[in-house]
Amino acid sequence: RLLKQLDTPLSTHQTFMRDLSNSGKSLEEIQTAWHTYYVSLPEREKQQVWHEFYAANTAQNKHHRHEAVPASAAQKPAKQPIQHPRKHTTNTHQTGTPAIDPRSPQEIKSQILQTTQTRHTNKLTKKQHLKSLMFGIGMAALSLLLVTFVFFNDVYIAPLVSPNSSVSATPIIGAVDGPVGPESKIIIPKINLEVPVVFDLGSTQEIDIQQALEDGVVHYSTSPDPGEIGNSVIVGHSSNNIFNSGKYKFAFVLLRKLEPGDTFFVHKDSVRYTYKIYEKEVVAPTNVSVLGPQERGSTMTLITCDPPGTSINRLIIYAEQVSPDPSNNTASRPSANNETAVEPQQLPSNAPSLWSRLWPF
C-alpha cells in the first residue's frame, strides 16, 4: 500500500507478494508459498529482495515522520542528526538508493561465526585457565596416589609399623620362663614379637610357603627342627598388602633392629629353645646358601625381605642355640614329607601384590 501511495512501480517480487496476499489464502499458506518462492531465487535476486524490503521500510519510516511533524515545525530548518559510527553500515548513493552489499550471504555467515567463536575463546582469563589446569593436575595426582596405595600400600605402611628406636629398645614381653605349652611359636622380646611358627609344611614351593605364611612364620621344611644338629630356618613377612589374607603380614618388619648379642626363643613340642644372635647380613634373593649348614653346629636362621615393603634383598639373622645344651641335640632326620622337597633357586619372597592377584598375567 505504501508503494502504491508513493507511486512507486512494483518489482516482480513485490507483484508476486501482492498477488499472494490477495489470494485469500491463510497466513500459514502465504508464508509457506513465499518461502518456497524465495528459496528458488538465485543469490543476486535474493539480495534484491532484501534491498527492496529495506528501501520500503526506509520510505515508510520517512512517511510516518513527515506526517507526525506539525505544520508550524515544518517551516523550521531541520537539525542535522548526530552521526554515530557503526560497523558494517550500508552506504547509499546520492539518489538515496541503497548500495548492494558486495559480500555473499555465506561470507556474512562465516564472519558472524568467527566473531562468536572469538568471543567464546576469550571468555576465560589466563588466571582461570591456570586454575582449571591446576585442578586437573591435582585430581590426576590424587587418583594416582589412591591407585598406588590400594595396590602397593605395603611400601607405604611398612615404615609406619616400626616404632621409634627408644620404644623398640624396651622389651614388653620380657624374660620367658615357666612351663611351655604345646603351641609352636617364636618370641623375640626386643621387638615385642610373639607369633606362631608353622612346622611340618613338607613343601619348598613358593605358593605353599606363601599360603602357610598367612598363619604365622614358617619353618623351612628341608632344614632341621630345633633340637637337631644343623641350621634350622624360619622365614616371615616384613610387609604385605593390607588387602591380602592373613594376620601376620608384618611379623618380621622389625627384624632389622636385632643386633649380635640379642636373644630370642622358639617353642616346639613343649620345649623352649633359646638362641643368641651372633651375625646379621643382607644378601641377594638368589643366595640360597644361607639355607644350608653354618659355621656353628646348632643354629637358627631368620629370613625376611629387605627393605620392608619390597623383595629386593633378604635380611638374614644368624643365631646359635644356647639352651637346652646343644651338645645333646640329635642328628637331623628328614621326614616323609620333605624327602622329595627340591632346593629352591631363590629365597622365599613377599606375598604376591594385590595387583598380581587381580591380574596374574
Protein backbone atom coordinates (compact mmCIF):
# COMPACT_ATOMS: atom_id res chain seq x y z
CA ARG A 1 0.00 0.00 0.00
CA LEU A 2 2.82 2.35 0.83
CA LEU A 3 4.48 1.85 -2.54
CA LYS A 4 1.15 2.48 -4.25
CA GLN A 5 0.75 5.73 -2.28
CA LEU A 6 4.27 6.78 -3.25
CA ASP A 7 3.57 5.97 -6.91
CA THR A 8 6.50 3.55 -6.96
CA PRO A 9 6.24 0.80 -9.59
CA LEU A 10 6.22 -2.74 -8.15
CA SER A 11 9.02 -5.15 -8.91
CA THR A 12 8.41 -8.73 -9.96
CA HIS A 13 8.93 -9.97 -6.37
CA GLN A 14 6.64 -7.29 -4.93
CA THR A 15 3.99 -8.14 -7.53
CA PHE A 16 4.22 -11.82 -6.54
CA MET A 17 3.82 -10.93 -2.87
CA ARG A 18 0.86 -8.62 -3.64
CA ASP A 19 -0.94 -11.31 -5.64
CA LEU A 20 -0.15 -13.86 -2.92
CA SER A 21 -1.55 -11.58 -0.21
CA ASN A 22 -4.78 -11.05 -2.19
CA SER A 23 -5.23 -14.75 -2.97
CA GLY A 24 -7.36 -15.36 0.13
CA LYS A 25 -5.00 -17.99 1.49
CA SER A 26 -4.29 -18.34 5.21
CA LEU A 27 -1.27 -16.71 6.78
CA GLU A 28 0.46 -20.07 7.12
CA GLU A 29 -0.10 -20.89 3.43
CA ILE A 30 1.16 -17.44 2.40
CA GLN A 31 4.34 -17.87 4.47
CA THR A 32 4.94 -21.33 3.02
CA ALA A 33 4.42 -20.14 -0.57
CA TRP A 34 6.68 -17.14 -0.07
CA HIS A 35 9.43 -19.29 1.46
CA THR A 36 9.29 -21.71 -1.47
CA TYR A 37 9.45 -18.81 -3.90
CA TYR A 38 12.36 -17.12 -2.11
CA VAL A 39 14.45 -20.30 -1.81
CA SER A 40 14.20 -20.91 -5.53
CA LEU A 41 15.66 -17.47 -6.37
CA PRO A 42 19.31 -17.08 -7.35
CA GLU A 43 21.63 -15.31 -4.88
CA ARG A 44 21.56 -11.93 -6.68
CA GLU A 45 17.76 -11.79 -6.73
CA LYS A 46 17.66 -12.77 -3.05
CA GLN A 47 19.81 -9.72 -2.35
CA GLN A 48 17.44 -7.62 -4.46
CA VAL A 49 14.50 -8.82 -2.34
CA TRP A 50 16.30 -7.71 0.83
CA HIS A 51 17.19 -4.30 -0.65
CA GLU A 52 13.58 -3.75 -1.75
CA PHE A 53 12.44 -4.65 1.75
CA TYR A 54 15.00 -2.20 3.22
CA ALA A 55 14.00 0.60 0.82
CA ALA A 56 10.27 0.08 1.51
CA ASN A 57 10.79 0.24 5.28
CA THR A 58 13.02 3.34 4.95
CA ALA A 59 10.36 5.08 2.89
CA GLN A 60 7.64 4.08 5.33
CA ASN A 61 9.62 5.48 8.28
CA LYS A 62 10.14 8.79 6.44
CA HIS A 63 6.45 8.96 5.55
CA HIS A 64 5.41 8.44 9.19
CA ARG A 65 7.88 11.07 10.42
CA HIS A 66 6.61 13.56 7.90
CA GLU A 67 3.00 13.05 9.00
CA ALA A 68 3.99 13.37 12.67
CA VAL A 69 5.68 16.81 12.24
CA PRO A 70 3.35 19.77 12.98
CA ALA A 71 2.79 22.37 10.27
CA SER A 72 4.48 25.04 12.39
CA ALA A 73 7.54 22.89 12.78
CA ALA A 74 7.73 22.18 9.07
CA GLN A 75 8.84 25.78 8.48
CA LYS A 76 11.88 25.39 10.77
CA PRO A 77 15.13 24.15 9.33
CA ALA A 78 15.80 20.60 10.36
CA LYS A 79 18.78 19.95 12.59
CA GLN A 80 21.47 17.75 11.30
CA PRO A 81 21.35 14.41 13.11
CA ILE A 82 24.38 13.37 15.10
CA GLN A 83 26.36 10.82 13.19
CA HIS A 84 27.36 7.75 15.17
CA PRO A 85 29.96 5.46 13.70
CA ARG A 86 28.63 1.99 13.01
CA LYS A 87 30.28 -1.11 11.76
CA HIS A 88 29.14 -2.68 8.52
CA THR A 89 26.73 0.18 7.64
CA THR A 90 25.17 0.13 4.19
CA ASN A 91 26.37 3.04 2.03
CA THR A 92 23.87 4.82 -0.15
CA HIS A 93 24.25 6.73 -3.37
CA GLN A 94 23.22 10.35 -3.66
CA THR A 95 19.97 9.23 -5.23
CA GLY A 96 19.00 7.54 -1.92
CA THR A 97 19.08 4.05 -3.37
CA PRO A 98 20.86 1.63 -1.03
CA ALA A 99 24.12 0.20 -2.35
CA ILE A 100 24.27 -3.57 -2.79
CA ASP A 101 26.49 -5.27 -0.17
CA PRO A 102 29.25 -6.97 -2.16
CA ARG A 103 29.50 -9.81 0.39
CA SER A 104 27.62 -13.02 -0.25
CA PRO A 105 25.33 -14.50 2.44
CA GLN A 106 27.90 -17.25 3.01
CA GLU A 107 30.62 -14.68 3.72
CA ILE A 108 28.37 -12.83 6.17
CA LYS A 109 27.55 -16.09 7.94
CA SER A 110 31.25 -17.04 8.19
CA GLN A 111 32.11 -13.65 9.69
CA ILE A 112 29.35 -13.93 12.29
CA LEU A 113 30.53 -17.45 13.28
CA GLN A 114 34.14 -16.24 13.55
CA THR A 115 33.12 -13.36 15.81
CA THR A 116 31.10 -15.71 18.03
CA GLN A 117 33.94 -18.22 18.32
CA THR A 118 36.42 -15.46 19.17
CA ARG A 119 34.22 -14.19 21.97
CA HIS A 120 33.77 -17.75 23.30
CA THR A 121 37.52 -18.39 23.23
CA ASN A 122 38.31 -15.19 25.10
CA LYS A 123 35.70 -15.86 27.77
CA LEU A 124 38.21 -17.35 30.28
CA THR A 125 41.12 -15.32 31.61
CA LYS A 126 44.65 -16.66 31.97
CA LYS A 127 44.14 -16.97 35.71
CA GLN A 128 41.01 -19.03 35.18
CA HIS A 129 42.82 -21.25 32.68
CA LEU A 130 45.63 -21.76 35.22
CA LYS A 131 43.15 -22.68 37.95
CA SER A 132 41.48 -25.17 35.63
CA LEU A 133 44.85 -26.69 34.74
CA MET A 134 45.93 -26.97 38.38
CA PHE A 135 42.61 -28.58 39.30
CA GLY A 136 43.08 -31.20 36.58
CA ILE A 137 46.65 -31.94 37.66
CA GLY A 138 45.58 -32.17 41.32
CA MET A 139 42.78 -34.62 40.57
CA ALA A 140 45.12 -36.74 38.44
CA ALA A 141 47.72 -36.81 41.25
CA LEU A 142 45.08 -37.73 43.82
CA SER A 143 43.80 -40.56 41.62
CA LEU A 144 47.34 -41.85 41.06
CA LEU A 145 48.07 -41.75 44.80
CA LEU A 146 44.86 -43.63 45.56
CA VAL A 147 45.62 -46.33 42.99
CA THR A 148 49.22 -46.82 44.19
CA PHE A 149 48.08 -47.03 47.82
CA VAL A 150 45.42 -49.65 47.04
CA PHE A 151 47.79 -51.88 45.08
CA PHE A 152 51.16 -51.13 46.75
CA ASN A 153 50.29 -50.00 50.27
CA ASP A 154 52.87 -52.40 51.75
CA VAL A 155 55.56 -49.87 50.76
CA TYR A 156 53.71 -47.00 52.48
CA ILE A 157 52.67 -48.87 55.63
CA ALA A 158 55.90 -50.71 56.48
CA PRO A 159 57.70 -47.59 57.86
CA LEU A 160 54.64 -46.75 59.99
CA VAL A 161 54.61 -50.19 61.63
CA SER A 162 58.07 -49.62 63.03
CA PRO A 163 58.07 -47.65 66.34
CA ASN A 164 60.89 -45.26 67.17
CA SER A 165 64.19 -46.55 68.47
CA SER A 166 63.51 -45.81 72.15
CA VAL A 167 60.29 -47.84 72.13
CA SER A 168 61.68 -50.79 70.17
CA ALA A 169 64.70 -50.98 72.52
CA THR A 170 62.37 -51.53 75.51
CA PRO A 171 61.12 -55.14 75.60
CA ILE A 172 57.46 -55.59 76.53
CA ILE A 173 57.42 -59.40 76.56
CA GLY A 174 60.40 -59.58 78.89
CA ALA A 175 62.10 -62.72 80.17
CA VAL A 176 60.48 -66.01 79.30
CA ASP A 177 60.25 -68.75 81.91
CA GLY A 178 57.80 -71.24 83.33
CA PRO A 179 56.14 -74.23 81.63
CA VAL A 180 55.91 -74.36 77.83
CA GLY A 181 52.62 -75.18 76.15
CA PRO A 182 52.14 -77.35 73.07
CA GLU A 183 51.81 -74.36 70.72
CA SER A 184 54.72 -73.75 68.34
CA LYS A 185 55.81 -70.10 68.34
CA ILE A 186 58.74 -67.69 68.26
CA ILE A 187 59.22 -64.98 70.90
CA ILE A 188 61.60 -62.03 70.33
CA PRO A 189 61.43 -59.74 73.40
CA LYS A 190 63.46 -56.85 71.94
CA ILE A 191 60.95 -56.19 69.17
CA ASN A 192 57.94 -57.30 71.24
CA LEU A 193 57.13 -60.17 68.88
CA GLU A 194 55.26 -63.39 69.61
CA VAL A 195 53.83 -65.25 66.59
CA PRO A 196 53.04 -68.88 65.69
CA VAL A 197 55.57 -70.99 63.78
CA VAL A 198 54.24 -73.34 61.10
CA PHE A 199 56.23 -76.61 61.22
CA ASP A 200 55.91 -79.71 59.03
CA LEU A 201 54.87 -77.83 55.89
CA GLY A 202 56.53 -80.50 53.75
CA SER A 203 57.00 -78.27 50.70
CA THR A 204 59.51 -75.76 49.41
CA GLN A 205 57.23 -74.48 46.66
CA GLU A 206 56.72 -70.71 46.81
CA ILE A 207 52.93 -70.94 46.51
CA ASP A 208 52.77 -73.34 49.51
CA ILE A 209 55.08 -71.19 51.63
CA GLN A 210 53.03 -68.06 50.85
CA GLN A 211 49.83 -69.80 51.90
CA ALA A 212 51.40 -71.05 55.14
CA LEU A 213 52.70 -67.53 55.94
CA GLU A 214 49.08 -66.43 56.39
CA ASP A 215 49.09 -68.46 59.64
CA GLY A 216 52.37 -67.12 61.08
CA VAL A 217 56.06 -67.53 60.25
CA VAL A 218 57.17 -70.75 58.52
CA HIS A 219 59.86 -73.31 59.31
CA TYR A 220 61.67 -74.23 56.08
CA SER A 221 60.84 -77.90 55.52
CA THR A 222 64.32 -79.06 54.37
CA SER A 223 66.09 -77.57 57.40
CA PRO A 224 66.50 -79.35 60.77
CA ASP A 225 63.99 -78.84 63.56
CA PRO A 226 65.00 -77.07 66.78
CA GLY A 227 66.89 -79.56 68.98
CA GLU A 228 68.59 -81.16 65.96
CA ILE A 229 72.12 -80.64 64.72
CA GLY A 230 72.33 -78.22 61.83
CA ASN A 231 70.81 -74.94 60.69
CA SER A 232 67.09 -74.54 61.35
CA VAL A 233 65.49 -71.86 59.13
CA ILE A 234 62.39 -69.72 59.77
CA VAL A 235 61.02 -67.27 57.18
CA GLY A 236 58.46 -64.49 57.70
CA HIS A 237 56.98 -61.43 56.04
CA SER A 238 58.42 -57.99 56.69
CA SER A 239 55.47 -56.36 54.90
CA ASN A 240 52.42 -57.25 52.87
CA ASN A 241 49.42 -55.67 51.19
CA ILE A 242 46.73 -54.97 53.79
CA PHE A 243 44.09 -56.36 51.43
CA ASN A 244 45.79 -59.78 51.29
CA SER A 245 44.71 -62.61 53.59
CA GLY A 246 46.43 -63.45 56.88
CA LYS A 247 47.04 -61.82 60.26
CA TYR A 248 50.85 -61.92 60.20
CA LYS A 249 51.66 -59.68 57.24
CA PHE A 250 54.21 -57.63 59.26
CA ALA A 251 55.60 -60.33 61.56
CA PHE A 252 59.30 -59.67 60.81
CA VAL A 253 59.08 -55.96 59.91
CA LEU A 254 61.28 -55.02 62.90
CA LEU A 255 63.77 -57.86 62.48
CA ARG A 256 66.41 -55.39 61.24
CA LYS A 257 66.57 -53.89 64.77
CA LEU A 258 68.14 -57.06 66.16
CA GLU A 259 71.87 -57.00 66.81
CA PRO A 260 74.50 -59.56 67.80
CA GLY A 261 74.04 -60.43 71.48
CA ASP A 262 70.22 -60.25 71.40
CA THR A 263 68.31 -63.42 72.28
CA PHE A 264 65.01 -64.97 71.20
CA PHE A 265 63.05 -68.14 71.93
CA VAL A 266 61.36 -70.86 69.88
CA HIS A 267 58.75 -73.20 71.38
CA LYS A 268 58.23 -76.64 69.83
CA ASP A 269 56.83 -79.85 71.26
CA SER A 270 56.57 -78.21 74.73
CA VAL A 271 60.30 -77.36 74.76
CA ARG A 272 61.73 -73.84 74.87
CA TYR A 273 64.85 -73.30 72.76
CA THR A 274 66.94 -70.19 73.44
CA TYR A 275 69.09 -68.65 70.69
CA LYS A 276 71.67 -65.86 70.82
CA ILE A 277 72.33 -63.77 67.71
CA TYR A 278 75.92 -63.69 66.52
CA GLU A 279 75.64 -62.17 63.00
CA LYS A 280 73.28 -60.47 60.57
CA GLU A 281 73.65 -59.57 56.89
CA VAL A 282 71.71 -58.59 53.77
CA VAL A 283 72.01 -60.89 50.76
CA ALA A 284 70.57 -61.24 47.28
CA PRO A 285 67.42 -63.38 46.86
CA THR A 286 69.45 -65.94 44.90
CA ASN A 287 71.88 -66.61 47.78
CA VAL A 288 70.31 -69.91 48.87
CA SER A 289 73.48 -70.96 50.72
CA VAL A 290 72.00 -69.37 53.89
CA LEU A 291 69.60 -72.34 53.99
CA GLY A 292 72.44 -74.81 54.47
CA PRO A 293 74.71 -75.64 57.43
CA GLN A 294 76.50 -72.72 59.08
CA GLU A 295 79.87 -72.41 60.78
CA ARG A 296 78.40 -73.31 64.17
CA GLY A 297 76.82 -76.65 65.00
CA SER A 298 73.23 -75.93 66.07
CA THR A 299 71.90 -72.66 64.71
CA MET A 300 68.68 -70.84 63.85
CA THR A 301 68.46 -68.55 60.79
CA LEU A 302 65.68 -65.99 60.45
CA ILE A 303 64.95 -64.67 56.93
CA THR A 304 62.75 -61.80 55.71
CA CYS A 305 62.57 -59.37 52.78
CA ASP A 306 64.55 -56.13 52.92
CA PRO A 307 63.86 -53.22 52.75
CA PRO A 308 60.38 -53.84 54.21
CA GLY A 309 57.70 -53.49 51.56
CA THR A 310 59.99 -54.74 48.76
CA SER A 311 61.55 -58.02 47.60
CA ILE A 312 64.87 -56.52 46.54
CA ASN A 313 67.09 -58.27 49.12
CA ARG A 314 66.86 -60.64 52.09
CA LEU A 315 67.79 -59.82 55.68
CA ILE A 316 69.48 -62.79 57.39
CA ILE A 317 69.77 -63.19 61.18
CA TYR A 318 72.12 -65.96 62.40
CA ALA A 319 71.74 -67.22 65.99
CA GLU A 320 73.35 -70.04 67.99
CA GLN A 321 71.42 -72.34 70.33
CA VAL A 322 72.37 -71.76 73.96
CA SER A 323 69.58 -73.63 75.75
CA PRO A 324 68.97 -76.56 76.14
CA ASP A 325 72.59 -77.63 75.85
CA PRO A 326 73.18 -78.06 72.08
CA SER A 327 75.60 -80.90 72.76
CA ASN A 328 72.56 -83.07 73.44
CA ASN A 329 70.98 -82.34 70.02
CA THR A 330 70.24 -85.29 67.77
CA ALA A 331 71.01 -85.70 64.09
CA SER A 332 68.52 -84.26 61.64
CA ARG A 333 66.05 -86.85 60.31
CA PRO A 334 64.23 -85.91 57.10
CA SER A 335 60.54 -86.62 57.31
CA ALA A 336 58.48 -88.39 54.69
CA ASN A 337 57.05 -85.01 53.69
CA ASN A 338 60.34 -83.34 52.78
CA GLU A 339 62.21 -86.28 51.27
CA THR A 340 61.04 -85.15 47.83
CA ALA A 341 61.45 -81.42 48.51
CA VAL A 342 63.69 -79.64 45.99
CA GLU A 343 66.14 -76.92 46.98
CA PRO A 344 64.89 -73.61 45.50
CA GLN A 345 66.72 -71.28 43.16
CA GLN A 346 65.63 -68.26 45.19
CA LEU A 347 64.82 -67.49 48.82
CA PRO A 348 61.14 -67.07 49.77
CA SER A 349 59.71 -63.66 48.89
CA ASN A 350 56.93 -61.31 49.89
CA ALA A 351 53.38 -62.33 49.11
CA PRO A 352 52.04 -61.50 45.64
CA SER A 353 50.76 -57.95 45.44
CA LEU A 354 47.08 -57.17 45.13
CA TRP A 355 47.69 -56.16 41.51
CA SER A 356 49.32 -59.53 40.66
CA ARG A 357 46.43 -61.34 42.33
CA LEU A 358 43.86 -59.44 40.26
CA TRP A 359 45.96 -59.56 37.07
CA PRO A 360 48.10 -62.73 37.19
CA PHE A 361 49.31 -62.31 33.60
